[in-house]
């Protein structure tokens, strides 16, 4: 694949760092094993998506160790190899915190007391301890088939590990050459953080109250996650899809309310008027917000 392609995609600095990322970033949470989660896309379809994204100018890819228990990282890594994507151009972002289950069905996102990772044989395999950060980075690099991660992101805050330990470990994985940048608060003379992923979309705007002004004050880039509200903003509110019927997050009613319906109806109206897809309208709205990558 040519490394000299021309594109109209804007590239922006991530926070106050010198790292440039595409204004649109491809998230890969939906790539995995469809046999385990019906709305996941398999390897073949995932690689097609990644190629289409790169051809359109997207050179930044976001994944996580926990997505499909490592399968998302593996698919992204294979795509980079198969498509011969230039490593000196692309930006690969992954995350650390959650357990990577040994079986496809294992997950601890909503673990009940007494039935968490430790009780199920995953001791020291979750959180932001020094041990887990180093082990997680090692395994992510193996799945991605890469020598380094561009941006390592903390998926959650760890209340059980001293913040000093986490901060030092994040600095040390950078110093060791395994990671180039981190998106976590670091002080003193340690590696600074450059970005934060925020839950943000036309439907969920809570971050506008405090988080976005804070990020702006400290020069930290904001990367919205789920800007399409898990697909709710891409279709009429009454239209059902396989993901809409099986996604646990949607089924819990996070987006299913009258306010969300009004917003989706308005997006549909604007899309029809402008001759665009609803996804284009929803992404354009996020795209235009200052501070967002």
Protein backbone atom coordinates (compact mmCIF):
# COMPACT_ATOMS: atom_id res chain seq x y z
CA UNK A 1 0.00 0.00 0.00
CA UNK A 2 1.37 3.38 -1.00
CA UNK A 3 2.72 5.58 1.79
CA UNK A 4 2.51 8.69 -0.43
CA UNK A 5 -1.25 8.85 -0.90
CA UNK A 6 -2.90 12.26 -0.91
CA UNK A 7 -5.98 12.92 1.18
CA UNK A 8 -8.26 15.72 2.28
CA UNK A 9 -8.34 14.42 5.85
CA UNK A 10 -7.20 17.04 8.39
CA UNK A 11 -4.51 15.99 10.86
CA UNK A 12 -4.31 17.66 14.25
CA UNK A 13 -1.96 17.62 17.22
CA UNK A 14 -3.15 15.50 20.11
CA UNK A 15 -3.32 17.87 23.05
CA UNK A 16 -0.09 19.80 23.52
CA UNK A 17 2.03 16.97 22.12
CA UNK A 18 3.72 16.92 18.74
CA UNK A 19 1.83 13.77 17.74
CA UNK A 20 -0.56 14.27 14.84
CA UNK A 21 -3.70 12.16 14.50
CA UNK A 22 -6.40 12.11 11.85
CA UNK A 23 -9.40 14.26 12.74
CA UNK A 24 -11.47 11.09 12.42
CA UNK A 25 -10.21 8.06 14.36
CA UNK A 26 -11.35 4.52 13.62
CA UNK A 27 -12.49 2.68 16.74
CA UNK A 28 -12.25 -1.10 16.59
CA UNK A 29 -14.37 -2.25 19.54
CA UNK A 30 -16.83 -3.94 17.17
CA UNK A 31 -14.20 -6.25 15.65
CA UNK A 32 -14.10 -9.68 17.24
CA UNK A 33 -15.83 -13.04 17.23
CA UNK A 34 -19.48 -12.85 16.02
CA UNK A 35 -20.12 -16.25 17.61
CA UNK A 36 -19.73 -14.66 21.02
CA UNK A 37 -21.36 -11.27 20.40
CA UNK A 38 -23.83 -11.14 17.48
CA UNK A 39 -23.03 -7.59 16.40
CA UNK A 40 -19.25 -8.08 16.30
CA UNK A 41 -17.58 -8.10 12.88
CA UNK A 42 -15.07 -10.83 12.10
CA UNK A 43 -11.51 -10.59 10.86
CA UNK A 44 -12.27 -10.39 7.14
CA UNK A 45 -14.81 -7.59 7.53
CA UNK A 46 -12.61 -5.78 10.03
CA UNK A 47 -9.64 -5.70 7.67
CA UNK A 48 -11.89 -4.32 4.92
CA UNK A 49 -13.00 -1.53 7.25
CA UNK A 50 -9.43 -0.68 8.21
CA UNK A 51 -8.38 -0.53 4.55
CA UNK A 52 -11.32 1.72 3.66
CA UNK A 53 -10.49 3.98 6.60
CA UNK A 54 -6.83 4.28 5.64
CA UNK A 55 -7.69 4.91 1.99
CA UNK A 56 -9.95 7.75 3.18
CA UNK A 57 -7.10 9.34 5.13
CA UNK A 58 -7.68 7.90 8.59
CA UNK A 59 -4.29 6.94 10.00
CA UNK A 60 -5.22 6.65 13.68
CA UNK A 61 -6.74 3.45 15.07
CA UNK A 62 -8.12 2.95 18.57
CA UNK A 63 -8.45 -0.44 20.23
CA UNK A 64 -8.18 -1.99 23.72
CA UNK A 65 -6.80 -5.16 25.22
CA UNK A 66 -10.24 -6.07 26.56
CA UNK A 67 -12.15 -5.65 23.28
CA UNK A 68 -13.33 -9.16 22.43
CA UNK A 69 -10.67 -10.37 24.88
CA UNK A 70 -7.76 -9.39 22.66
CA UNK A 71 -9.35 -10.30 19.33
CA UNK A 72 -9.76 -6.65 18.31
CA UNK A 73 -6.03 -6.00 18.82
CA UNK A 74 -5.18 -9.15 16.88
CA UNK A 75 -7.37 -8.13 13.93
CA UNK A 76 -5.92 -4.62 13.88
CA UNK A 77 -2.40 -6.00 14.03
CA UNK A 78 -3.07 -8.42 11.19
CA UNK A 79 -4.61 -5.64 9.10
CA UNK A 80 -1.51 -3.50 9.57
CA UNK A 81 0.64 -6.39 8.34
CA UNK A 82 -1.60 -7.56 5.50
CA UNK A 83 -2.26 -4.06 4.20
CA UNK A 84 1.37 -3.03 4.76
CA UNK A 85 0.33 0.17 6.52
CA UNK A 86 3.37 2.43 7.06
CA UNK A 87 4.30 2.23 10.74
CA UNK A 88 6.01 5.61 10.72
CA UNK A 89 2.72 7.23 9.67
CA UNK A 90 -0.08 5.41 11.46
CA UNK A 91 -0.98 5.92 15.12
CA UNK A 92 -2.09 2.91 17.17
CA UNK A 93 -3.88 3.52 20.46
CA UNK A 94 -4.77 0.80 22.95
CA UNK A 95 -5.82 0.57 26.59
CA UNK A 96 -5.01 -1.06 29.90
CA UNK A 97 -7.13 -1.85 32.96
CA UNK A 98 -9.62 -4.66 32.37
CA UNK A 99 -9.12 -8.41 32.42
CA UNK A 100 -8.46 -10.14 29.10
CA UNK A 101 -10.43 -13.36 29.51
CA UNK A 102 -9.01 -16.72 28.55
CA UNK A 103 -12.34 -17.64 26.97
CA UNK A 104 -14.36 -15.47 24.54
CA UNK A 105 -17.34 -15.29 26.88
CA UNK A 106 -15.39 -14.10 29.94
CA UNK A 107 -16.08 -10.50 30.95
CA UNK A 108 -15.98 -8.55 34.18
CA UNK A 109 -17.47 -5.24 33.05
CA UNK A 110 -20.43 -5.71 35.39
CA UNK A 111 -18.98 -8.14 37.91
CA UNK A 112 -20.98 -8.76 41.07
CA UNK A 113 -19.33 -8.60 44.52
CA UNK A 114 -17.63 -11.91 45.21
CA UNK A 115 -17.58 -12.86 41.53
CA UNK A 116 -14.86 -10.56 40.24
CA UNK A 117 -11.49 -11.21 38.56
CA UNK A 118 -9.66 -12.35 41.71
CA UNK A 119 -12.35 -14.88 42.59
CA UNK A 120 -12.15 -16.32 39.07
CA UNK A 121 -8.40 -16.83 38.81
CA UNK A 122 -7.37 -13.48 37.32
CA UNK A 123 -5.27 -12.17 40.21
CA UNK A 124 -2.93 -9.30 39.19
CA UNK A 125 -4.51 -9.33 35.71
CA UNK A 126 -6.59 -6.18 36.07
CA UNK A 127 -6.20 -2.63 37.29
CA UNK A 128 -3.26 -0.25 37.02
CA UNK A 129 -0.62 -1.88 39.18
CA UNK A 130 2.95 -1.79 37.91
CA UNK A 131 2.85 -5.53 37.29
CA UNK A 132 -0.35 -5.44 35.27
CA UNK A 133 0.62 -2.38 33.23
CA UNK A 134 3.86 -4.02 32.07
CA UNK A 135 2.24 -7.41 31.45
CA UNK A 136 -0.70 -5.85 29.61
CA UNK A 137 1.57 -3.80 27.34
CA UNK A 138 3.65 -6.90 26.58
CA UNK A 139 0.59 -8.94 25.59
CA UNK A 140 -0.91 -6.08 23.57
CA UNK A 141 2.29 -5.76 21.56
CA UNK A 142 2.22 -9.50 20.86
CA UNK A 143 -1.37 -9.39 19.61
CA UNK A 144 -0.76 -6.24 17.56
CA UNK A 145 2.52 -7.65 16.16
CA UNK A 146 4.15 -4.29 16.84
CA UNK A 147 7.33 -3.10 18.54
CA UNK A 148 5.66 -0.18 20.29
CA UNK A 149 2.27 1.39 21.06
CA UNK A 150 1.81 5.01 20.07
CA UNK A 151 -0.68 5.97 22.79
CA UNK A 152 -1.41 3.86 25.87
CA UNK A 153 -4.69 4.83 27.53
CA UNK A 154 -5.95 3.99 31.01
CA UNK A 155 -9.40 2.49 30.52
CA UNK A 156 -10.55 3.25 34.07
CA UNK A 157 -9.22 4.74 37.30
CA UNK A 158 -7.82 2.18 39.75
CA UNK A 159 -8.92 2.92 43.30
CA UNK A 160 -6.94 -0.02 44.70
CA UNK A 161 -3.48 0.98 43.46
CA UNK A 162 -1.52 3.99 44.78
CA UNK A 163 -1.56 6.68 42.11
CA UNK A 164 2.21 7.10 42.53
CA UNK A 165 2.75 3.47 41.50
CA UNK A 166 0.55 3.85 38.42
CA UNK A 167 2.20 7.11 37.41
CA UNK A 168 5.71 5.72 37.71
CA UNK A 169 4.82 2.56 35.78
CA UNK A 170 3.28 4.56 32.93
CA UNK A 171 6.40 6.70 32.77
CA UNK A 172 8.61 3.62 32.79
CA UNK A 173 6.85 1.84 29.89
CA UNK A 174 7.54 4.98 27.86
CA UNK A 175 11.17 5.11 28.97
CA UNK A 176 11.52 1.42 28.11
CA UNK A 177 10.43 2.11 24.53
CA UNK A 178 7.22 0.08 24.65
CA UNK A 179 4.98 3.15 24.47
CA UNK A 180 5.41 6.59 22.90
CA UNK A 181 2.68 8.59 24.68
CA UNK A 182 0.19 8.10 27.50
CA UNK A 183 -3.18 9.66 28.29
CA UNK A 184 -3.06 9.78 32.05
CA UNK A 185 -2.31 12.55 34.55
CA UNK A 186 1.40 12.67 35.32
CA UNK A 187 3.21 15.28 37.36
CA UNK A 188 6.76 16.09 38.48
CA UNK A 189 9.25 15.15 35.75
CA UNK A 190 7.41 12.10 34.52
CA UNK A 191 5.88 11.56 31.09
CA UNK A 192 2.96 14.00 30.63
CA UNK A 193 -0.46 12.92 29.47
CA UNK A 194 -1.72 14.20 26.12
CA UNK A 195 -5.33 13.05 25.72
CA UNK A 196 -8.45 11.70 27.35
CA UNK A 197 -11.33 9.70 25.91
CA UNK A 198 -14.72 11.07 26.90
CA UNK A 199 -18.21 9.65 26.48
CA UNK A 200 -19.62 12.36 24.23
CA UNK A 201 -22.26 12.63 21.51
CA UNK A 202 -25.37 14.55 20.55
CA UNK A 203 -27.22 12.37 23.06
CA UNK A 204 -24.71 12.50 25.92
CA UNK A 205 -23.20 15.94 26.59
CA UNK A 206 -22.42 15.85 30.31
CA UNK A 207 -18.70 16.37 29.61
CA UNK A 208 -19.40 19.95 28.53
CA UNK A 209 -20.05 20.99 32.14
CA UNK A 210 -16.62 20.44 33.67
CA UNK A 211 -14.44 17.95 31.82
CA UNK A 212 -13.97 19.77 28.52
CA UNK A 213 -13.14 23.14 30.11
CA UNK A 214 -10.65 21.32 32.36
CA UNK A 215 -9.00 19.55 29.44
CA UNK A 216 -8.74 22.84 27.57
CA UNK A 217 -7.14 24.50 30.60
CA UNK A 218 -4.44 21.82 30.81
CA UNK A 219 -3.91 21.46 27.06
CA UNK A 220 -5.19 17.90 26.88
CA UNK A 221 -6.84 16.58 23.73
CA UNK A 222 -10.38 15.19 23.92
CA UNK A 223 -11.22 12.02 21.98
CA UNK A 224 -14.99 11.36 22.08
CA UNK A 225 -15.93 7.72 22.43
CA UNK A 226 -19.24 6.47 21.03
CA UNK A 227 -19.93 9.69 19.09
CA UNK A 228 -22.71 7.77 17.31
CA UNK A 229 -24.22 6.60 20.62
CA UNK A 230 -23.59 2.94 19.80
CA UNK A 231 -25.39 3.38 16.49
CA UNK A 232 -28.53 5.03 17.88
CA UNK A 233 -27.71 8.22 15.95
CA UNK A 234 -27.27 6.39 12.64
CA UNK A 235 -30.87 5.32 12.03
CA UNK A 236 -34.50 6.25 12.81
CA UNK A 237 -35.27 5.72 16.49
CA UNK A 238 -37.81 2.97 15.85
CA UNK A 239 -35.56 0.98 13.50
CA UNK A 240 -34.10 -2.18 15.02
CA UNK A 241 -30.71 -3.74 14.30
CA UNK A 242 -28.91 -6.80 15.59
CA UNK A 243 -26.72 -4.61 17.78
CA UNK A 244 -29.67 -2.60 19.06
CA UNK A 245 -31.38 -5.82 20.12
CA UNK A 246 -28.33 -7.43 21.77
CA UNK A 247 -26.02 -4.64 23.00
CA UNK A 248 -26.21 -4.78 26.80
CA UNK A 249 -25.43 -1.07 27.13
CA UNK A 250 -28.37 -0.15 24.92
CA UNK A 251 -30.64 -2.71 26.54
CA UNK A 252 -30.04 -1.14 29.96
CA UNK A 253 -31.83 1.92 28.62
CA UNK A 254 -28.90 4.35 28.58
CA UNK A 255 -30.10 5.94 25.34
CA UNK A 256 -33.72 4.83 25.28
CA UNK A 257 -35.69 7.84 26.51
CA UNK A 258 -37.87 10.65 25.16
CA UNK A 259 -35.02 13.16 25.03
CA UNK A 260 -32.91 10.79 22.95
CA UNK A 261 -35.82 10.16 20.60
CA UNK A 262 -36.27 13.90 20.03
CA UNK A 263 -32.57 14.27 19.22
CA UNK A 264 -32.53 11.30 16.85
CA UNK A 265 -35.64 12.60 15.08
CA UNK A 266 -33.96 15.97 14.61
CA UNK A 267 -30.80 14.34 13.23
CA UNK A 268 -32.94 12.36 10.79
CA UNK A 269 -34.69 15.56 9.71
CA UNK A 270 -31.43 17.43 9.10
CA UNK A 271 -29.93 14.46 7.24
CA UNK A 272 -32.87 14.26 4.84
CA UNK A 273 -32.81 18.00 4.28
CA UNK A 274 -29.08 18.03 3.53
CA UNK A 275 -28.96 14.77 1.57
CA UNK A 276 -26.63 13.18 4.09
CA UNK A 277 -26.64 10.08 6.25
CA UNK A 278 -27.58 10.43 9.90
CA UNK A 279 -24.09 9.24 10.84
CA UNK A 280 -22.54 12.08 8.85
CA UNK A 281 -24.69 14.64 10.65
CA UNK A 282 -23.90 13.23 14.10
CA UNK A 283 -20.17 13.06 13.40
CA UNK A 284 -20.12 16.54 11.88
CA UNK A 285 -21.64 17.88 15.09
CA UNK A 286 -18.85 16.30 17.18
CA UNK A 287 -16.28 17.32 14.59
CA UNK A 288 -17.24 20.99 14.94
CA UNK A 289 -16.93 21.07 18.73
CA UNK A 290 -13.71 22.82 19.84
CA UNK A 291 -11.23 20.65 21.68
CA UNK A 292 -12.33 17.38 20.11
CA UNK A 293 -9.89 15.49 17.94
